[in-house]
Amino acid sequence: MKLIVRNIAPSCGEQEVREFLKRELGHYAKSVEVVDAGKPTAYATVELDAQVPYVGEVIARQIHGKQLGGVALEATADLFSDEPPPEH
C-alpha cells in the first residue's frame, strides 16, 4: 500500500522531505521516494508497512494538512495502483 503526499513546497529538498515523512510515519514507512524535489510539481510516495486498507487512510488523514516548508501537505492512500500519481 502506498501513501502519496503532494503539495510539497519547492523550498524543501529531497532529504528534508524524506526525513520529515520518516519521522512522522515511524515504523509505518518502509520506503520513501521523493519526485521532482525543489519544483512545484514535487510529490512523495511512501511504501507503507500496513496490510489493512483502512490503516492507510488513517495515516493519510494524519499527514494531510501537516506543515512542511510553510505549506500544508496533501496526502492520500493509494490502495490499488502502482501507477505514478496524476499531476496535480
PDB file of N, CA and C in Angstrom:
ATOM      1  N   MET A   1       0.840  -1.164   0.000  1.00  0.00           N
ATOM      2  CA  MET A   1       0.000   0.000   0.000  1.00  0.00           C
ATOM      3  C   MET A   1       0.894   1.239   0.000  1.00  0.00           C
ATOM      4  N   LYS A   2       0.480   2.244  -0.763  1.00  0.00           N
ATOM      5  CA  LYS A   2       1.285   3.459  -0.876  1.00  0.00           C
ATOM      6  C   LYS A   2       0.516   4.658  -0.348  1.00  0.00           C
ATOM      7  N   LEU A   3       1.275   5.573   0.191  1.00  0.00           N
ATOM      8  CA  LEU A   3       0.772   6.874   0.590  1.00  0.00           C
ATOM      9  C   LEU A   3       1.369   7.872  -0.387  1.00  0.00           C
ATOM     10  N   ILE A   4       0.544   8.746  -0.927  1.00  0.00           N
ATOM     11  CA  ILE A   4       1.018   9.760  -1.865  1.00  0.00           C
ATOM     12  C   ILE A   4       0.872  11.112  -1.183  1.00  0.00           C
ATOM     13  N   VAL A   5       1.966  11.845  -1.131  1.00  0.00           N
ATOM     14  CA  VAL A   5       1.991  13.152  -0.475  1.00  0.00           C
ATOM     15  C   VAL A   5       2.298  14.202  -1.529  1.00  0.00           C
ATOM     16  N   ARG A   6       1.385  15.156  -1.675  1.00  0.00           N
ATOM     17  CA  ARG A   6       1.531  16.223  -2.666  1.00  0.00           C
ATOM     18  C   ARG A   6       1.611  17.575  -1.968  1.00  0.00           C
ATOM     19  N   ASN A   7       1.755  18.616  -2.767  1.00  0.00           N
ATOM     20  CA  ASN A   7       1.813  19.993  -2.290  1.00  0.00           C
ATOM     21  C   ASN A   7       3.054  20.217  -1.426  1.00  0.00           C
ATOM     22  N   ILE A   8       4.171  19.691  -1.877  1.00  0.00           N
ATOM     23  CA  ILE A   8       5.443  19.857  -1.179  1.00  0.00           C
ATOM     24  C   ILE A   8       6.066  21.171  -1.646  1.00  0.00           C
ATOM     25  N   ALA A   9       6.427  22.009  -0.697  1.00  0.00           N
ATOM     26  CA  ALA A   9       6.990  23.323  -1.015  1.00  0.00           C
ATOM     27  C   ALA A   9       8.269  23.185  -1.839  1.00  0.00           C
ATOM     28  N   PRO A  10       8.423  24.010  -2.877  1.00  0.00           N
ATOM     29  CA  PRO A  10       9.652  23.969  -3.686  1.00  0.00           C
ATOM     30  C   PRO A  10      10.916  24.238  -2.874  1.00  0.00           C
ATOM     31  N   SER A  11      10.780  24.902  -1.730  1.00  0.00           N
ATOM     32  CA  SER A  11      11.951  25.186  -0.895  1.00  0.00           C
ATOM     33  C   SER A  11      12.452  23.958  -0.137  1.00  0.00           C
ATOM     34  N   CYS A  12      11.684  22.874  -0.154  1.00  0.00           N
ATOM     35  CA  CYS A  12      12.076  21.652   0.573  1.00  0.00           C
ATOM     36  C   CYS A  12      12.902  20.731  -0.312  1.00  0.00           C
ATOM     37  N   GLY A  13      14.041  20.319   0.187  1.00  0.00           N
ATOM     38  CA  GLY A  13      14.888  19.376  -0.530  1.00  0.00           C
ATOM     39  C   GLY A  13      14.440  17.946  -0.309  1.00  0.00           C
ATOM     40  N   GLU A  14      14.950  17.065  -1.140  1.00  0.00           N
ATOM     41  CA  GLU A  14      14.581  15.641  -1.070  1.00  0.00           C
ATOM     42  C   GLU A  14      14.852  15.046   0.308  1.00  0.00           C
ATOM     43  N   GLN A  15      16.019  15.322   0.857  1.00  0.00           N
ATOM     44  CA  GLN A  15      16.381  14.763   2.168  1.00  0.00           C
ATOM     45  C   GLN A  15      15.464  15.284   3.264  1.00  0.00           C
ATOM     46  N   GLU A  16      15.131  16.556   3.208  1.00  0.00           N
ATOM     47  CA  GLU A  16      14.234  17.149   4.208  1.00  0.00           C
ATOM     48  C   GLU A  16      12.857  16.484   4.180  1.00  0.00           C
ATOM     49  N   VAL A  17      12.325  16.264   2.979  1.00  0.00           N
ATOM     50  CA  VAL A  17      11.013  15.622   2.830  1.00  0.00           C
ATOM     51  C   VAL A  17      11.078  14.191   3.349  1.00  0.00           C
ATOM     52  N   ARG A  18      12.117  13.464   2.950  1.00  0.00           N
ATOM     53  CA  ARG A  18      12.274  12.070   3.377  1.00  0.00           C
ATOM     54  C   ARG A  18      12.356  11.974   4.909  1.00  0.00           C
ATOM     55  N   GLU A  19      13.178  12.810   5.530  1.00  0.00           N
ATOM     56  CA  GLU A  19      13.322  12.774   6.988  1.00  0.00           C
ATOM     57  C   GLU A  19      12.023  13.147   7.696  1.00  0.00           C
ATOM     58  N   PHE A  20      11.321  14.147   7.170  1.00  0.00           N
ATOM     59  CA  PHE A  20      10.050  14.556   7.762  1.00  0.00           C
ATOM     60  C   PHE A  20       9.049  13.402   7.739  1.00  0.00           C
ATOM     61  N   LEU A  21       8.901  12.768   6.574  1.00  0.00           N
ATOM     62  CA  LEU A  21       7.918  11.682   6.456  1.00  0.00           C
ATOM     63  C   LEU A  21       8.308  10.477   7.304  1.00  0.00           C
ATOM     64  N   LYS A  22       9.578  10.141   7.338  1.00  0.00           N
ATOM     65  CA  LYS A  22      10.010   9.015   8.175  1.00  0.00           C
ATOM     66  C   LYS A  22       9.772   9.314   9.652  1.00  0.00           C
ATOM     67  N   ARG A  23      10.017  10.543  10.056  1.00  0.00           N
ATOM     68  CA  ARG A  23       9.789  10.923  11.454  1.00  0.00           C
ATOM     69  C   ARG A  23       8.292  10.878  11.786  1.00  0.00           C
ATOM     70  N   GLU A  24       7.465  11.405  10.894  1.00  0.00           N
ATOM     71  CA  GLU A  24       6.021  11.451  11.135  1.00  0.00           C
ATOM     72  C   GLU A  24       5.370  10.069  11.085  1.00  0.00           C
ATOM     73  N   LEU A  25       5.855   9.214  10.199  1.00  0.00           N
ATOM     74  CA  LEU A  25       5.224   7.908   9.988  1.00  0.00           C
ATOM     75  C   LEU A  25       5.838   6.793  10.821  1.00  0.00           C
ATOM     76  N   GLY A  26       7.044   7.008  11.315  1.00  0.00           N
ATOM     77  CA  GLY A  26       7.691   5.999  12.157  1.00  0.00           C
ATOM     78  C   GLY A  26       7.821   4.660  11.453  1.00  0.00           C
ATOM     79  N   HIS A  27       7.442   3.604  12.157  1.00  0.00           N
ATOM     80  CA  HIS A  27       7.619   2.245  11.626  1.00  0.00           C
ATOM     81  C   HIS A  27       6.698   1.922  10.450  1.00  0.00           C
ATOM     82  N   TYR A  28       5.707   2.758  10.172  1.00  0.00           N
ATOM     83  CA  TYR A  28       4.816   2.500   9.031  1.00  0.00           C
ATOM     84  C   TYR A  28       5.488   2.774   7.692  1.00  0.00           C
ATOM     85  N   ALA A  29       6.545   3.566   7.674  1.00  0.00           N
ATOM     86  CA  ALA A  29       7.217   3.931   6.421  1.00  0.00           C
ATOM     87  C   ALA A  29       8.296   2.909   6.077  1.00  0.00           C
ATOM     88  N   LYS A  30       8.006   2.051   5.096  1.00  0.00           N
ATOM     89  CA  LYS A  30       9.018   1.093   4.626  1.00  0.00           C
ATOM     90  C   LYS A  30      10.053   1.810   3.767  1.00  0.00           C
ATOM     91  N   SER A  31       9.573   2.622   2.838  1.00  0.00           N
ATOM     92  CA  SER A  31      10.480   3.378   1.974  1.00  0.00           C
ATOM     93  C   SER A  31       9.784   4.665   1.540  1.00  0.00           C
ATOM     94  N   VAL A  32      10.597   5.678   1.266  1.00  0.00           N
ATOM     95  CA  VAL A  32      10.089   6.980   0.840  1.00  0.00           C
ATOM     96  C   VAL A  32      10.822   7.378  -0.433  1.00  0.00           C
ATOM     97  N   GLU A  33      10.063   7.735  -1.466  1.00  0.00           N
ATOM     98  CA  GLU A  33      10.645   8.224  -2.710  1.00  0.00           C
ATOM     99  C   GLU A  33      10.105   9.623  -2.971  1.00  0.00           C
ATOM    100  N   VAL A  34      10.996  10.564  -3.183  1.00  0.00           N
ATOM    101  CA  VAL A  34      10.607  11.948  -3.458  1.00  0.00           C
ATOM    102  C   VAL A  34      10.888  12.217  -4.934  1.00  0.00           C
ATOM    103  N   VAL A  35       9.874  12.741  -5.630  1.00  0.00           N
ATOM    104  CA  VAL A  35       9.979  13.007  -7.064  1.00  0.00           C
ATOM    105  C   VAL A  35       9.893  14.521  -7.289  1.00  0.00           C
ATOM    106  N   ASP A  36      10.769  15.045  -8.119  1.00  0.00           N
ATOM    107  CA  ASP A  36      10.775  16.461  -8.507  1.00  0.00           C
ATOM    108  C   ASP A  36      10.994  17.410  -7.327  1.00  0.00           C
ATOM    109  N   ALA A  37      11.818  17.013  -6.365  1.00  0.00           N
ATOM    110  CA  ALA A  37      12.101  17.889  -5.220  1.00  0.00           C
ATOM    111  C   ALA A  37      12.595  19.241  -5.716  1.00  0.00           C
ATOM    112  N   GLY A  38      12.145  20.304  -5.071  1.00  0.00           N
ATOM    113  CA  GLY A  38      12.538  21.648  -5.448  1.00  0.00           C
ATOM    114  C   GLY A  38      11.693  22.259  -6.552  1.00  0.00           C
ATOM    115  N   LYS A  39      10.720  21.513  -7.054  1.00  0.00           N
ATOM    116  CA  LYS A  39       9.839  22.011  -8.112  1.00  0.00           C
ATOM    117  C   LYS A  39       8.404  22.090  -7.582  1.00  0.00           C
ATOM    118  N   PRO A  40       7.567  22.901  -8.209  1.00  0.00           N
ATOM    119  CA  PRO A  40       6.169  22.999  -7.766  1.00  0.00           C
ATOM    120  C   PRO A  40       5.390  21.690  -7.933  1.00  0.00           C
ATOM    121  N   THR A  41       5.881  20.785  -8.768  1.00  0.00           N
ATOM    122  CA  THR A  41       5.186  19.518  -9.017  1.00  0.00           C
ATOM    123  C   THR A  41       5.678  18.388  -8.110  1.00  0.00           C
ATOM    124  N   ALA A  42       6.480  18.713  -7.118  1.00  0.00           N
ATOM    125  CA  ALA A  42       7.072  17.680  -6.254  1.00  0.00           C
ATOM    126  C   ALA A  42       5.998  16.883  -5.528  1.00  0.00           C
ATOM    127  N   TYR A  43       6.264  15.589  -5.385  1.00  0.00           N
ATOM    128  CA  TYR A  43       5.413  14.714  -4.583  1.00  0.00           C
ATOM    129  C   TYR A  43       6.272  13.589  -4.040  1.00  0.00           C
ATOM    130  N   ALA A  44       5.727  12.885  -3.081  1.00  0.00           N
ATOM    131  CA  ALA A  44       6.445  11.749  -2.494  1.00  0.00           C
ATOM    132  C   ALA A  44       5.513  10.546  -2.451  1.00  0.00           C
ATOM    133  N   THR A  45       6.094   9.376  -2.649  1.00  0.00           N
ATOM    134  CA  THR A  45       5.356   8.133  -2.439  1.00  0.00           C
ATOM    135  C   THR A  45       6.032   7.397  -1.291  1.00  0.00           C
ATOM    136  N   VAL A  46       5.202   6.885  -0.417  1.00  0.00           N
ATOM    137  CA  VAL A  46       5.685   6.157   0.746  1.00  0.00           C
ATOM    138  C   VAL A  46       5.105   4.762   0.697  1.00  0.00           C
ATOM    139  N   GLU A  47       5.967   3.757   0.699  1.00  0.00           N
ATOM    140  CA  GLU A  47       5.518   2.374   0.798  1.00  0.00           C
ATOM    141  C   GLU A  47       5.210   2.121   2.272  1.00  0.00           C
ATOM    142  N   LEU A  48       3.938   1.838   2.552  1.00  0.00           N
ATOM    143  CA  LEU A  48       3.510   1.644   3.936  1.00  0.00           C
ATOM    144  C   LEU A  48       3.618   0.192   4.360  1.00  0.00           C
ATOM    145  N   ASP A  49       4.007   0.002   5.582  1.00  0.00           N
ATOM    146  CA  ASP A  49       4.051  -1.327   6.181  1.00  0.00           C
ATOM    147  C   ASP A  49       2.737  -1.547   6.921  1.00  0.00           C
ATOM    148  N   ALA A  50       1.673  -1.680   6.142  1.00  0.00           N
ATOM    149  CA  ALA A  50       0.336  -1.887   6.699  1.00  0.00           C
ATOM    150  C   ALA A  50      -0.440  -2.795   5.758  1.00  0.00           C
ATOM    151  N   GLN A  51      -1.062  -3.796   6.288  1.00  0.00           N
ATOM    152  CA  GLN A  51      -1.768  -4.762   5.460  1.00  0.00           C
ATOM    153  C   GLN A  51      -3.258  -4.477   5.337  1.00  0.00           C
ATOM    154  N   VAL A  52      -3.806  -3.697   6.240  1.00  0.00           N
ATOM    155  CA  VAL A  52      -5.235  -3.426   6.251  1.00  0.00           C
ATOM    156  C   VAL A  52      -5.494  -2.075   5.582  1.00  0.00           C
ATOM    157  N   PRO A  53      -6.369  -2.036   4.561  1.00  0.00           N
ATOM    158  CA  PRO A  53      -6.565  -0.809   3.793  1.00  0.00           C
ATOM    159  C   PRO A  53      -6.935   0.408   4.633  1.00  0.00           C
ATOM    160  N   TYR A  54      -7.766   0.256   5.625  1.00  0.00           N
ATOM    161  CA  TYR A  54      -8.194   1.431   6.378  1.00  0.00           C
ATOM    162  C   TYR A  54      -7.040   2.084   7.130  1.00  0.00           C
ATOM    163  N   VAL A  55      -5.988   1.339   7.437  1.00  0.00           N
ATOM    164  CA  VAL A  55      -4.828   1.914   8.118  1.00  0.00           C
ATOM    165  C   VAL A  55      -4.179   2.977   7.229  1.00  0.00           C
ATOM    166  N   GLY A  56      -4.103   2.708   5.936  1.00  0.00           N
ATOM    167  CA  GLY A  56      -3.540   3.683   5.007  1.00  0.00           C
ATOM    168  C   GLY A  56      -4.337   4.973   4.987  1.00  0.00           C
ATOM    169  N   GLU A  57      -5.653   4.870   5.036  1.00  0.00           N
ATOM    170  CA  GLU A  57      -6.497   6.061   5.065  1.00  0.00           C
ATOM    171  C   GLU A  57      -6.309   6.848   6.353  1.00  0.00           C
ATOM    172  N   VAL A  58      -6.185   6.140   7.468  1.00  0.00           N
ATOM    173  CA  VAL A  58      -5.959   6.811   8.757  1.00  0.00           C
ATOM    174  C   VAL A  58      -4.618   7.536   8.739  1.00  0.00           C
ATOM    175  N   ILE A  59      -3.596   6.890   8.206  1.00  0.00           N
ATOM    176  CA  ILE A  59      -2.270   7.505   8.112  1.00  0.00           C
ATOM    177  C   ILE A  59      -2.329   8.729   7.198  1.00  0.00           C
ATOM    178  N   ALA A  60      -3.024   8.625   6.078  1.00  0.00           N
ATOM    179  CA  ALA A  60      -3.152   9.760   5.154  1.00  0.00           C
ATOM    180  C   ALA A  60      -3.818  10.938   5.857  1.00  0.00           C
ATOM    181  N   ARG A  61      -4.841  10.681   6.649  1.00  0.00           N
ATOM    182  CA  ARG A  61      -5.518  11.763   7.373  1.00  0.00           C
ATOM    183  C   ARG A  61      -4.592  12.422   8.386  1.00  0.00           C
ATOM    184  N   GLN A  62      -3.696  11.646   8.976  1.00  0.00           N
ATOM    185  CA  GLN A  62      -2.762  12.196   9.953  1.00  0.00           C
ATOM    186  C   GLN A  62      -1.737  13.124   9.304  1.00  0.00           C
ATOM    187  N   ILE A  63      -1.308  12.803   8.089  1.00  0.00           N
ATOM    188  CA  ILE A  63      -0.308  13.604   7.384  1.00  0.00           C
ATOM    189  C   ILE A  63      -0.952  14.792   6.669  1.00  0.00           C
ATOM    190  N   HIS A  64      -2.166  14.587   6.160  1.00  0.00           N
ATOM    191  CA  HIS A  64      -2.872  15.637   5.414  1.00  0.00           C
ATOM    192  C   HIS A  64      -3.003  16.882   6.279  1.00  0.00           C
ATOM    193  N   GLY A  65      -2.528  18.004   5.749  1.00  0.00           N
ATOM    194  CA  GLY A  65      -2.635  19.270   6.462  1.00  0.00           C
ATOM    195  C   GLY A  65      -1.427  19.623   7.325  1.00  0.00           C
ATOM    196  N   LYS A  66      -0.527  18.654   7.561  1.00  0.00           N
ATOM    197  CA  LYS A  66       0.691  18.972   8.323  1.00  0.00           C
ATOM    198  C   LYS A  66       1.519  19.961   7.515  1.00  0.00           C
ATOM    199  N   GLN A  67       2.212  20.833   8.213  1.00  0.00           N
ATOM    200  CA  GLN A  67       3.015  21.861   7.575  1.00  0.00           C
ATOM    201  C   GLN A  67       4.448  21.383   7.333  1.00  0.00           C
ATOM    202  N   LEU A  68       4.924  21.601   6.120  1.00  0.00           N
ATOM    203  CA  LEU A  68       6.322  21.349   5.775  1.00  0.00           C
ATOM    204  C   LEU A  68       6.759  22.489   4.866  1.00  0.00           C
ATOM    205  N   GLY A  69       7.757  23.219   5.275  1.00  0.00           N
ATOM    206  CA  GLY A  69       8.219  24.363   4.492  1.00  0.00           C
ATOM    207  C   GLY A  69       7.177  25.462   4.395  1.00  0.00           C
ATOM    208  N   GLY A  70       6.302  25.569   5.399  1.00  0.00           N
ATOM    209  CA  GLY A  70       5.276  26.606   5.406  1.00  0.00           C
ATOM    210  C   GLY A  70       4.073  26.311   4.536  1.00  0.00           C
ATOM    211  N   VAL A  71       3.968  25.078   4.044  1.00  0.00           N
ATOM    212  CA  VAL A  71       2.872  24.696   3.159  1.00  0.00           C
ATOM    213  C   VAL A  71       2.175  23.470   3.747  1.00  0.00           C
ATOM    214  N   ALA A  72       0.838  23.445   3.668  1.00  0.00           N
ATOM    215  CA  ALA A  72       0.078  22.290   4.152  1.00  0.00           C
ATOM    216  C   ALA A  72       0.162  21.151   3.131  1.00  0.00           C
ATOM    217  N   LEU A  73       0.555  19.980   3.595  1.00  0.00           N
ATOM    218  CA  LEU A  73       0.669  18.815   2.722  1.00  0.00           C
ATOM    219  C   LEU A  73      -0.699  18.229   2.409  1.00  0.00           C
ATOM    220  N   GLU A  74      -0.788  17.559   1.271  1.00  0.00           N
ATOM    221  CA  GLU A  74      -1.980  16.813   0.880  1.00  0.00           C
ATOM    222  C   GLU A  74      -1.568  15.354   0.777  1.00  0.00           C
ATOM    223  N   ALA A  75      -2.321  14.473   1.441  1.00  0.00           N
ATOM    224  CA  ALA A  75      -1.950  13.054   1.445  1.00  0.00           C
ATOM    225  C   ALA A  75      -3.157  12.183   1.162  1.00  0.00           C
ATOM    226  N   THR A  76      -2.932  11.146   0.365  1.00  0.00           N
ATOM    227  CA  THR A  76      -3.967  10.157   0.083  1.00  0.00           C
ATOM    228  C   THR A  76      -3.335   8.775   0.082  1.00  0.00           C
ATOM    229  N   ALA A  77      -4.132   7.786   0.453  1.00  0.00           N
ATOM    230  CA  ALA A  77      -3.672   6.403   0.394  1.00  0.00           C
ATOM    231  C   ALA A  77      -4.047   5.850  -0.968  1.00  0.00           C
ATOM    232  N   ASP A  78      -3.096   5.203  -1.619  1.00  0.00           N
ATOM    233  CA  ASP A  78      -3.322   4.598  -2.929  1.00  0.00           C
ATOM    234  C   ASP A  78      -3.353   3.091  -2.712  1.00  0.00           C
ATOM    235  N   LEU A  79      -4.554   2.540  -2.637  1.00  0.00           N
ATOM    236  CA  LEU A  79      -4.711   1.142  -2.247  1.00  0.00           C
ATOM    237  C   LEU A  79      -4.544   0.164  -3.401  1.00  0.00           C
ATOM    238  N   PHE A  80      -4.778   0.623  -4.632  1.00  0.00           N
ATOM    239  CA  PHE A  80      -4.905  -0.345  -5.721  1.00  0.00           C
ATOM    240  C   PHE A  80      -3.919  -0.216  -6.864  1.00  0.00           C
ATOM    241  N   SER A  81      -3.175   0.870  -6.927  1.00  0.00           N
ATOM    242  CA  SER A  81      -2.399   1.130  -8.135  1.00  0.00           C
ATOM    243  C   SER A  81      -0.911   1.271  -7.848  1.00  0.00           C
ATOM    244  N   ASP A  82      -0.109   0.786  -8.775  1.00  0.00           N
ATOM    245  CA  ASP A  82       1.325   1.012  -8.727  1.00  0.00           C
ATOM    246  C   ASP A  82       1.731   2.103  -9.722  1.00  0.00           C
ATOM    247  N   GLU A  83       0.726   2.726 -10.351  1.00  0.00           N
ATOM    248  CA  GLU A  83       0.989   3.789 -11.312  1.00  0.00           C
ATOM    249  C   GLU A  83       1.399   5.055 -10.567  1.00  0.00           C
ATOM    250  N   PRO A  84       2.208   5.910 -11.193  1.00  0.00           N
ATOM    251  CA  PRO A  84       2.540   7.181 -10.544  1.00  0.00           C
ATOM    252  C   PRO A  84       1.289   8.028 -10.415  1.00  0.00           C
ATOM    253  N   PRO A  85       1.240   8.891  -9.418  1.00  0.00           N
ATOM    254  CA  PRO A  85       0.047   9.708  -9.227  1.00  0.00           C
ATOM    255  C   PRO A  85      -0.097  10.714 -10.351  1.00  0.00           C
ATOM    256  N   PRO A  86      -1.333  11.096 -10.649  1.00  0.00           N
ATOM    257  CA  PRO A  86      -1.535  12.102 -11.699  1.00  0.00           C
ATOM    258  C   PRO A  86      -0.991  13.441 -11.233  1.00  0.00           C
ATOM    259  N   GLU A  87      -0.558  14.262 -12.190  1.00  0.00           N
ATOM    260  CA  GLU A  87      -0.042  15.588 -11.841  1.00  0.00           C
ATOM    261  C   GLU A  87      -1.181  16.393 -11.260  1.00  0.00           C
ATOM    262  N   HIS A  88      -0.853  17.201 -10.299  1.00  0.00           N
ATOM    263  CA  HIS A  88      -1.850  17.976  -9.563  1.00  0.00           C
ATOM    264  C   HIS A  88      -2.118  19.270 -10.243  1.00  0.00           C
TER     265      HIS A  88
END
